[in-house]
N, C-alpha and C. Protein backbone atom coordinates (compact mmCIF):
# COMPACT_ATOMS: atom_id res chain seq x y z
N MET A 1 4.24 30.09 -84.70
CA MET A 1 2.87 30.41 -84.99
C MET A 1 2.05 30.22 -83.71
N VAL A 2 1.07 31.06 -83.54
CA VAL A 2 0.17 30.98 -82.40
C VAL A 2 -1.22 30.66 -82.91
N ARG A 3 -1.87 29.73 -82.29
CA ARG A 3 -3.26 29.42 -82.62
C ARG A 3 -4.07 29.75 -81.38
N ALA A 4 -5.08 30.58 -81.55
CA ALA A 4 -5.89 31.02 -80.43
C ALA A 4 -7.35 30.97 -80.81
N CYS A 5 -8.18 30.53 -79.89
CA CYS A 5 -9.60 30.46 -80.20
C CYS A 5 -10.45 30.43 -78.95
N HIS A 6 -11.73 30.67 -79.16
CA HIS A 6 -12.73 30.51 -78.12
C HIS A 6 -13.31 29.12 -78.32
N VAL A 7 -13.35 28.32 -77.29
CA VAL A 7 -13.76 26.93 -77.40
C VAL A 7 -15.19 26.77 -77.89
N ASP A 8 -16.05 27.71 -77.61
CA ASP A 8 -17.44 27.59 -78.03
C ASP A 8 -17.64 27.83 -79.51
N GLY A 9 -16.57 27.95 -80.28
CA GLY A 9 -16.69 28.10 -81.71
C GLY A 9 -16.44 29.50 -82.22
N ASP A 10 -16.40 30.50 -81.36
CA ASP A 10 -16.09 31.86 -81.76
C ASP A 10 -14.58 31.92 -81.97
N LEU A 11 -14.16 32.03 -83.21
CA LEU A 11 -12.74 31.95 -83.52
C LEU A 11 -12.00 33.27 -83.41
N ALA A 12 -12.68 34.33 -83.05
CA ALA A 12 -12.01 35.62 -82.86
C ALA A 12 -11.71 35.82 -81.39
N ALA A 13 -10.75 36.67 -81.12
CA ALA A 13 -10.43 36.99 -79.74
C ALA A 13 -11.60 37.74 -79.13
N PRO A 14 -11.74 37.69 -77.81
CA PRO A 14 -12.82 38.41 -77.16
C PRO A 14 -12.74 39.90 -77.47
N GLY A 15 -13.88 40.52 -77.61
CA GLY A 15 -13.92 41.95 -77.85
C GLY A 15 -13.56 42.35 -79.27
N GLY A 16 -13.44 41.36 -80.17
CA GLY A 16 -13.14 41.68 -81.56
C GLY A 16 -11.78 42.29 -81.76
N GLY A 17 -10.81 41.90 -80.94
CA GLY A 17 -9.50 42.49 -80.99
C GLY A 17 -8.71 42.18 -82.24
N GLY A 18 -9.22 41.33 -83.10
CA GLY A 18 -8.54 41.06 -84.35
C GLY A 18 -7.44 40.03 -84.25
N HIS A 19 -7.29 39.40 -83.14
CA HIS A 19 -6.28 38.36 -82.99
C HIS A 19 -6.97 37.04 -83.25
N GLY A 20 -7.07 36.66 -84.49
CA GLY A 20 -7.90 35.54 -84.93
C GLY A 20 -7.42 34.19 -84.49
N ALA A 21 -8.13 33.20 -84.93
CA ALA A 21 -7.92 31.86 -84.44
C ALA A 21 -6.83 31.11 -85.15
N MET A 22 -6.70 31.29 -86.42
CA MET A 22 -5.84 30.39 -87.15
C MET A 22 -4.36 30.76 -87.03
N ALA A 23 -3.95 31.83 -87.60
CA ALA A 23 -2.53 32.14 -87.61
C ALA A 23 -2.28 33.54 -87.09
N MET A 24 -1.64 33.62 -85.93
CA MET A 24 -1.29 34.92 -85.41
C MET A 24 0.22 35.13 -85.49
N GLY A 25 0.93 34.19 -86.02
CA GLY A 25 2.38 34.31 -86.13
C GLY A 25 2.77 35.06 -87.40
N ALA A 26 4.06 35.33 -87.55
CA ALA A 26 4.54 36.06 -88.71
C ALA A 26 4.35 35.23 -89.98
N ALA A 27 4.57 33.95 -89.90
CA ALA A 27 4.38 33.07 -91.05
C ALA A 27 3.05 32.37 -90.93
N THR A 28 2.32 32.29 -92.02
CA THR A 28 0.99 31.66 -91.98
C THR A 28 0.97 30.35 -92.74
N ASP A 29 2.11 29.81 -93.07
CA ASP A 29 2.18 28.56 -93.79
C ASP A 29 1.59 27.44 -92.94
N ALA A 30 0.61 26.74 -93.50
CA ALA A 30 -0.06 25.67 -92.76
C ALA A 30 0.89 24.54 -92.39
N ALA A 31 1.97 24.42 -93.15
CA ALA A 31 2.92 23.35 -92.86
C ALA A 31 3.76 23.65 -91.63
N GLN A 32 3.83 24.94 -91.23
CA GLN A 32 4.62 25.29 -90.05
C GLN A 32 3.90 24.80 -88.80
N ALA A 33 4.64 24.19 -87.91
CA ALA A 33 4.05 23.68 -86.68
C ALA A 33 3.61 24.82 -85.78
N THR A 34 2.48 24.64 -85.14
CA THR A 34 2.00 25.63 -84.19
C THR A 34 2.85 25.53 -82.93
N GLN A 35 3.43 26.65 -82.51
CA GLN A 35 4.27 26.65 -81.33
C GLN A 35 3.45 26.82 -80.05
N LEU A 36 2.34 27.54 -80.13
CA LEU A 36 1.55 27.84 -78.95
C LEU A 36 0.08 27.83 -79.31
N GLU A 37 -0.71 27.18 -78.49
CA GLU A 37 -2.16 27.20 -78.66
C GLU A 37 -2.80 27.77 -77.41
N LEU A 38 -3.70 28.71 -77.61
CA LEU A 38 -4.45 29.32 -76.52
C LEU A 38 -5.93 29.14 -76.82
N ALA A 39 -6.68 28.64 -75.88
CA ALA A 39 -8.11 28.49 -76.07
C ALA A 39 -8.80 28.89 -74.77
N TYR A 40 -9.82 29.73 -74.89
CA TYR A 40 -10.53 30.11 -73.68
C TYR A 40 -11.98 29.66 -73.77
N GLN A 41 -12.51 29.41 -72.61
CA GLN A 41 -13.92 29.05 -72.51
C GLN A 41 -14.47 29.67 -71.24
N LEU A 42 -15.76 29.90 -71.24
CA LEU A 42 -16.41 30.44 -70.06
C LEU A 42 -16.97 29.29 -69.24
N THR A 43 -16.74 29.32 -67.94
CA THR A 43 -17.29 28.30 -67.05
C THR A 43 -18.76 28.62 -66.79
N ALA A 44 -19.45 27.73 -66.11
CA ALA A 44 -20.87 27.91 -65.83
C ALA A 44 -21.14 29.19 -65.04
N ASP A 45 -20.16 29.59 -64.21
CA ASP A 45 -20.34 30.81 -63.42
C ASP A 45 -19.84 32.07 -64.15
N GLY A 46 -19.52 31.95 -65.44
CA GLY A 46 -19.16 33.11 -66.25
C GLY A 46 -17.71 33.52 -66.20
N LYS A 47 -16.85 32.72 -65.62
CA LYS A 47 -15.43 33.06 -65.54
C LYS A 47 -14.68 32.42 -66.71
N ALA A 48 -13.66 33.10 -67.16
CA ALA A 48 -12.87 32.61 -68.28
C ALA A 48 -11.75 31.71 -67.80
N THR A 49 -11.57 30.61 -68.51
CA THR A 49 -10.43 29.73 -68.30
C THR A 49 -9.71 29.61 -69.63
N VAL A 50 -8.40 29.87 -69.61
CA VAL A 50 -7.58 29.78 -70.81
C VAL A 50 -6.70 28.54 -70.69
N GLN A 51 -6.77 27.67 -71.69
CA GLN A 51 -5.90 26.51 -71.77
C GLN A 51 -4.68 26.92 -72.59
N VAL A 52 -3.49 26.70 -72.04
CA VAL A 52 -2.25 27.06 -72.72
C VAL A 52 -1.50 25.79 -73.06
N SER A 53 -1.15 25.62 -74.34
CA SER A 53 -0.42 24.44 -74.79
C SER A 53 0.73 24.86 -75.69
N GLY A 54 1.89 24.28 -75.45
CA GLY A 54 3.04 24.56 -76.31
C GLY A 54 4.06 25.44 -75.63
N GLU A 55 4.71 26.29 -76.43
CA GLU A 55 5.84 27.09 -75.98
C GLU A 55 5.48 28.57 -75.92
N LEU A 56 5.62 29.15 -74.74
CA LEU A 56 5.45 30.58 -74.56
C LEU A 56 6.85 31.17 -74.50
N ASP A 57 7.30 31.70 -75.63
CA ASP A 57 8.68 32.15 -75.73
C ASP A 57 8.77 33.42 -76.58
N ILE A 58 9.97 33.81 -76.91
CA ILE A 58 10.18 35.06 -77.65
C ILE A 58 9.44 35.06 -78.98
N ALA A 59 9.27 33.91 -79.58
CA ALA A 59 8.58 33.83 -80.88
C ALA A 59 7.07 34.00 -80.76
N THR A 60 6.51 33.71 -79.60
CA THR A 60 5.05 33.76 -79.43
C THR A 60 4.59 34.81 -78.44
N ALA A 61 5.51 35.46 -77.74
CA ALA A 61 5.18 36.33 -76.61
C ALA A 61 4.26 37.50 -76.97
N ASP A 62 4.60 38.25 -78.00
CA ASP A 62 3.80 39.44 -78.32
C ASP A 62 2.37 39.10 -78.69
N GLN A 63 2.21 38.11 -79.54
CA GLN A 63 0.86 37.73 -79.95
C GLN A 63 0.09 37.09 -78.81
N ALA A 64 0.76 36.30 -78.00
CA ALA A 64 0.10 35.69 -76.85
C ALA A 64 -0.38 36.76 -75.88
N TYR A 65 0.48 37.76 -75.61
CA TYR A 65 0.09 38.83 -74.69
C TYR A 65 -1.14 39.58 -75.22
N ALA A 66 -1.13 39.92 -76.50
CA ALA A 66 -2.26 40.65 -77.08
C ALA A 66 -3.56 39.85 -76.95
N TYR A 67 -3.50 38.58 -77.24
CA TYR A 67 -4.69 37.73 -77.13
C TYR A 67 -5.15 37.61 -75.68
N LEU A 68 -4.21 37.32 -74.79
CA LEU A 68 -4.56 37.13 -73.38
C LEU A 68 -5.06 38.42 -72.74
N ARG A 69 -4.49 39.55 -73.15
CA ARG A 69 -4.98 40.84 -72.67
C ARG A 69 -6.43 41.04 -73.09
N ASP A 70 -6.77 40.66 -74.32
CA ASP A 70 -8.15 40.75 -74.79
C ASP A 70 -9.08 39.87 -73.96
N VAL A 71 -8.62 38.69 -73.60
CA VAL A 71 -9.43 37.80 -72.76
C VAL A 71 -9.66 38.45 -71.40
N VAL A 72 -8.60 38.97 -70.78
CA VAL A 72 -8.72 39.63 -69.48
C VAL A 72 -9.69 40.81 -69.58
N ASP A 73 -9.54 41.62 -70.62
CA ASP A 73 -10.39 42.79 -70.79
C ASP A 73 -11.85 42.44 -71.02
N SER A 74 -12.11 41.25 -71.53
CA SER A 74 -13.49 40.85 -71.82
C SER A 74 -14.22 40.35 -70.57
N GLN A 75 -13.51 40.20 -69.46
CA GLN A 75 -14.09 39.65 -68.25
C GLN A 75 -14.32 40.73 -67.20
N ASP A 76 -15.31 40.49 -66.33
CA ASP A 76 -15.57 41.41 -65.23
C ASP A 76 -14.76 41.07 -63.99
N GLY A 77 -14.30 39.85 -63.89
CA GLY A 77 -13.62 39.43 -62.68
C GLY A 77 -12.30 38.75 -62.95
N SER A 78 -12.27 37.45 -62.71
CA SER A 78 -11.00 36.74 -62.80
C SER A 78 -10.89 35.89 -64.06
N VAL A 79 -9.64 35.65 -64.44
CA VAL A 79 -9.31 34.76 -65.54
C VAL A 79 -8.34 33.73 -64.98
N THR A 80 -8.59 32.47 -65.27
CA THR A 80 -7.70 31.40 -64.85
C THR A 80 -6.96 30.88 -66.07
N MET A 81 -5.64 30.76 -65.96
CA MET A 81 -4.83 30.19 -67.03
C MET A 81 -4.36 28.81 -66.58
N ASN A 82 -4.79 27.78 -67.31
CA ASN A 82 -4.36 26.42 -67.03
C ASN A 82 -3.09 26.17 -67.84
N LEU A 83 -1.98 26.00 -67.14
CA LEU A 83 -0.67 25.87 -67.77
C LEU A 83 -0.21 24.42 -67.90
N ALA A 84 -1.11 23.46 -67.74
CA ALA A 84 -0.73 22.06 -67.79
C ALA A 84 -0.06 21.69 -69.11
N GLY A 85 -0.48 22.31 -70.19
CA GLY A 85 0.08 21.99 -71.50
C GLY A 85 1.25 22.85 -71.91
N LEU A 86 1.67 23.77 -71.04
CA LEU A 86 2.80 24.63 -71.36
C LEU A 86 4.08 23.82 -71.23
N THR A 87 4.75 23.60 -72.35
CA THR A 87 5.94 22.75 -72.35
C THR A 87 7.23 23.52 -72.19
N PHE A 88 7.21 24.83 -72.48
CA PHE A 88 8.42 25.64 -72.39
C PHE A 88 8.03 27.08 -72.15
N CYS A 89 8.80 27.76 -71.32
CA CYS A 89 8.56 29.18 -71.06
C CYS A 89 9.91 29.84 -70.83
N ASP A 90 10.28 30.78 -71.70
CA ASP A 90 11.54 31.49 -71.53
C ASP A 90 11.29 32.84 -70.85
N ALA A 91 12.31 33.68 -70.82
CA ALA A 91 12.19 34.99 -70.16
C ALA A 91 11.09 35.84 -70.79
N ALA A 92 10.95 35.78 -72.11
CA ALA A 92 9.89 36.53 -72.77
C ALA A 92 8.52 36.02 -72.34
N GLY A 93 8.39 34.71 -72.16
CA GLY A 93 7.14 34.13 -71.68
C GLY A 93 6.83 34.55 -70.26
N LEU A 94 7.85 34.57 -69.41
CA LEU A 94 7.65 35.06 -68.04
C LEU A 94 7.23 36.53 -68.06
N GLY A 95 7.80 37.28 -69.00
CA GLY A 95 7.41 38.67 -69.15
C GLY A 95 5.94 38.82 -69.51
N VAL A 96 5.45 37.93 -70.35
CA VAL A 96 4.03 37.94 -70.71
C VAL A 96 3.18 37.75 -69.45
N LEU A 97 3.53 36.77 -68.64
CA LEU A 97 2.77 36.51 -67.42
C LEU A 97 2.82 37.70 -66.47
N ALA A 98 4.00 38.31 -66.33
CA ALA A 98 4.14 39.47 -65.44
C ALA A 98 3.34 40.66 -65.95
N ARG A 99 3.46 40.95 -67.25
CA ARG A 99 2.71 42.08 -67.83
C ARG A 99 1.21 41.85 -67.73
N LEU A 100 0.79 40.62 -67.97
CA LEU A 100 -0.63 40.29 -67.91
C LEU A 100 -1.17 40.43 -66.49
N ALA A 101 -0.38 40.00 -65.50
CA ALA A 101 -0.80 40.15 -64.10
C ALA A 101 -0.94 41.62 -63.74
N GLY A 102 0.02 42.44 -64.19
CA GLY A 102 -0.05 43.88 -63.94
C GLY A 102 -1.25 44.52 -64.61
N HIS A 103 -1.51 44.14 -65.85
CA HIS A 103 -2.66 44.67 -66.58
C HIS A 103 -3.96 44.29 -65.87
N ALA A 104 -4.05 43.05 -65.46
CA ALA A 104 -5.27 42.60 -64.75
C ALA A 104 -5.47 43.41 -63.48
N ARG A 105 -4.41 43.60 -62.71
CA ARG A 105 -4.50 44.38 -61.47
C ARG A 105 -4.94 45.81 -61.74
N ARG A 106 -4.32 46.45 -62.72
CA ARG A 106 -4.64 47.85 -63.04
C ARG A 106 -6.08 48.02 -63.51
N THR A 107 -6.66 46.99 -64.08
CA THR A 107 -8.03 47.09 -64.59
C THR A 107 -9.06 46.48 -63.64
N GLY A 108 -8.63 46.16 -62.43
CA GLY A 108 -9.56 45.65 -61.43
C GLY A 108 -9.96 44.20 -61.62
N ARG A 109 -9.15 43.46 -62.34
CA ARG A 109 -9.43 42.05 -62.57
C ARG A 109 -8.33 41.22 -61.91
N SER A 110 -8.49 39.91 -61.94
CA SER A 110 -7.44 39.07 -61.39
C SER A 110 -7.08 37.97 -62.38
N LEU A 111 -5.84 37.52 -62.27
CA LEU A 111 -5.32 36.46 -63.11
C LEU A 111 -4.77 35.38 -62.19
N ARG A 112 -5.20 34.17 -62.43
CA ARG A 112 -4.80 33.04 -61.59
C ARG A 112 -4.20 31.96 -62.48
N LEU A 113 -3.09 31.38 -62.03
CA LEU A 113 -2.44 30.30 -62.76
C LEU A 113 -2.74 28.97 -62.09
N THR A 114 -2.97 27.95 -62.89
CA THR A 114 -3.16 26.60 -62.35
C THR A 114 -2.31 25.63 -63.15
N ALA A 115 -1.99 24.52 -62.52
CA ALA A 115 -1.33 23.37 -63.14
C ALA A 115 0.03 23.71 -63.76
N ALA A 116 0.75 24.65 -63.17
CA ALA A 116 2.09 24.97 -63.67
C ALA A 116 3.04 23.82 -63.34
N ARG A 117 3.91 23.53 -64.25
CA ARG A 117 4.89 22.45 -64.05
C ARG A 117 5.96 22.89 -63.05
N PRO A 118 6.59 21.93 -62.39
CA PRO A 118 7.61 22.25 -61.37
C PRO A 118 8.73 23.15 -61.88
N ALA A 119 9.18 22.96 -63.10
CA ALA A 119 10.27 23.80 -63.62
C ALA A 119 9.83 25.26 -63.72
N LEU A 120 8.60 25.51 -64.14
CA LEU A 120 8.10 26.88 -64.22
C LEU A 120 7.93 27.46 -62.83
N LEU A 121 7.42 26.67 -61.90
CA LEU A 121 7.27 27.14 -60.52
C LEU A 121 8.61 27.53 -59.92
N ARG A 122 9.62 26.76 -60.22
CA ARG A 122 10.96 27.04 -59.70
C ARG A 122 11.48 28.37 -60.25
N ILE A 123 11.34 28.59 -61.55
CA ILE A 123 11.78 29.84 -62.16
C ILE A 123 10.99 31.01 -61.58
N MET A 124 9.70 30.84 -61.39
CA MET A 124 8.87 31.90 -60.83
C MET A 124 9.32 32.23 -59.41
N ARG A 125 9.68 31.22 -58.66
CA ARG A 125 10.15 31.43 -57.28
C ARG A 125 11.49 32.16 -57.28
N ILE A 126 12.41 31.74 -58.13
CA ILE A 126 13.73 32.35 -58.19
C ILE A 126 13.65 33.82 -58.60
N THR A 127 12.78 34.11 -59.56
CA THR A 127 12.67 35.47 -60.08
C THR A 127 11.76 36.37 -59.25
N GLY A 128 11.05 35.80 -58.30
CA GLY A 128 10.13 36.58 -57.48
C GLY A 128 8.75 36.73 -58.07
N MET A 129 8.51 36.11 -59.22
CA MET A 129 7.19 36.21 -59.84
C MET A 129 6.11 35.51 -59.05
N ASP A 130 6.50 34.66 -58.13
CA ASP A 130 5.50 33.99 -57.31
C ASP A 130 4.72 34.99 -56.46
N GLU A 131 5.28 36.18 -56.25
CA GLU A 131 4.57 37.22 -55.50
C GLU A 131 3.39 37.78 -56.28
N ALA A 132 3.49 37.78 -57.62
CA ALA A 132 2.39 38.24 -58.46
C ALA A 132 1.29 37.20 -58.56
N PHE A 133 1.64 35.95 -58.29
CA PHE A 133 0.70 34.84 -58.37
C PHE A 133 0.76 34.05 -57.07
N PRO A 134 0.05 34.50 -56.03
CA PRO A 134 0.14 33.85 -54.72
C PRO A 134 -0.21 32.36 -54.74
N GLU A 135 -1.05 31.96 -55.68
CA GLU A 135 -1.44 30.55 -55.73
C GLU A 135 -0.27 29.63 -56.04
N VAL A 136 0.79 30.12 -56.70
CA VAL A 136 1.94 29.26 -56.97
C VAL A 136 2.84 29.13 -55.77
N GLY A 137 2.66 29.95 -54.77
CA GLY A 137 3.47 29.88 -53.55
C GLY A 137 2.79 29.11 -52.45
N SER A 138 1.73 28.38 -52.76
CA SER A 138 1.00 27.64 -51.73
C SER A 138 1.89 26.58 -51.10
N SER A 139 1.54 26.18 -49.91
CA SER A 139 2.37 25.22 -49.19
C SER A 139 2.49 23.90 -49.94
N ALA A 140 1.48 23.53 -50.69
CA ALA A 140 1.54 22.28 -51.45
C ALA A 140 2.61 22.34 -52.53
N LEU A 141 2.87 23.53 -53.05
CA LEU A 141 3.85 23.67 -54.11
C LEU A 141 5.21 24.10 -53.59
N SER A 142 5.30 24.58 -52.37
CA SER A 142 6.55 25.13 -51.87
C SER A 142 7.64 24.08 -51.69
N ILE A 143 7.29 22.83 -51.58
CA ILE A 143 8.32 21.81 -51.39
C ILE A 143 9.19 21.64 -52.64
N ILE A 144 8.70 22.09 -53.80
CA ILE A 144 9.52 21.96 -55.00
C ILE A 144 10.21 23.27 -55.35
N ALA A 145 9.89 24.34 -54.65
CA ALA A 145 10.51 25.63 -54.94
C ALA A 145 11.76 25.81 -54.09
N TRP A 146 12.79 26.36 -54.67
CA TRP A 146 14.03 26.60 -53.97
C TRP A 146 14.02 28.02 -53.43
N PRO A 147 14.75 28.26 -52.35
CA PRO A 147 14.81 29.63 -51.81
C PRO A 147 15.49 30.58 -52.80
N ARG A 148 15.12 31.87 -52.74
CA ARG A 148 15.69 32.87 -53.64
C ARG A 148 17.15 33.15 -53.31
N GLN A 149 17.50 33.10 -52.03
CA GLN A 149 18.86 33.40 -51.63
C GLN A 149 19.42 32.25 -50.81
N ALA A 150 20.64 31.92 -51.08
CA ALA A 150 21.28 30.88 -50.31
C ALA A 150 21.68 31.44 -48.95
N THR A 151 21.57 30.63 -47.93
CA THR A 151 22.00 31.05 -46.61
C THR A 151 23.38 30.45 -46.34
N VAL A 152 24.20 31.23 -45.71
CA VAL A 152 25.55 30.79 -45.40
C VAL A 152 25.64 30.53 -43.90
N SER A 153 26.09 29.35 -43.56
CA SER A 153 26.25 29.00 -42.15
C SER A 153 27.56 29.56 -41.64
N PRO A 154 27.54 30.10 -40.43
CA PRO A 154 28.80 30.58 -39.86
C PRO A 154 29.75 29.41 -39.70
N GLY A 155 30.91 29.60 -40.07
CA GLY A 155 31.73 28.43 -40.02
C GLY A 155 33.12 28.66 -39.78
C-alpha cells in the first residue's frame, strides 16, 4: 500500500491527479501495513520537497511514479526528494527514479535527490544512475561508491 499526501493538509495529489492520500495500493484494508509513504510540502521559496519513507519496490513503483510525476508536473522548477526514510529500493524503484528524472528533464524541470543511504548510492553508481543525479556523485559521497568497472593490473 502507498500512502501519499500534501503536508499542508491537502490529501490529494497535486493537480487533482486522483492519486489520493489514504490508499493507493491494490488492497485498501486498513490492517495492511503501509509499504511506502510519500509526502510533499512547499518550501518558503515555493519549491517542492517530497519525503520518502518505506520501500520503493515492485509493489509500490507504479503508484509512486504516478504520484511523483504529478508533484513534478505541479512545479515550475525543481523538486527535491528526501530519501532519508527510504529503507529499500529494488530495480523497479530505481526505474521509478530514472523515469521521473527523464520526465522532469523533458518538461523543463529538475529532480534532485538528498539523504540517500550508502547502499542506494552504491547501486546508483554501479548502474550508472548517478549520471542522472549529479548530486549523488559529489566528492563527499564518492568515497562510498565503488567503481563501475574493475581495473586489471598487468601482471
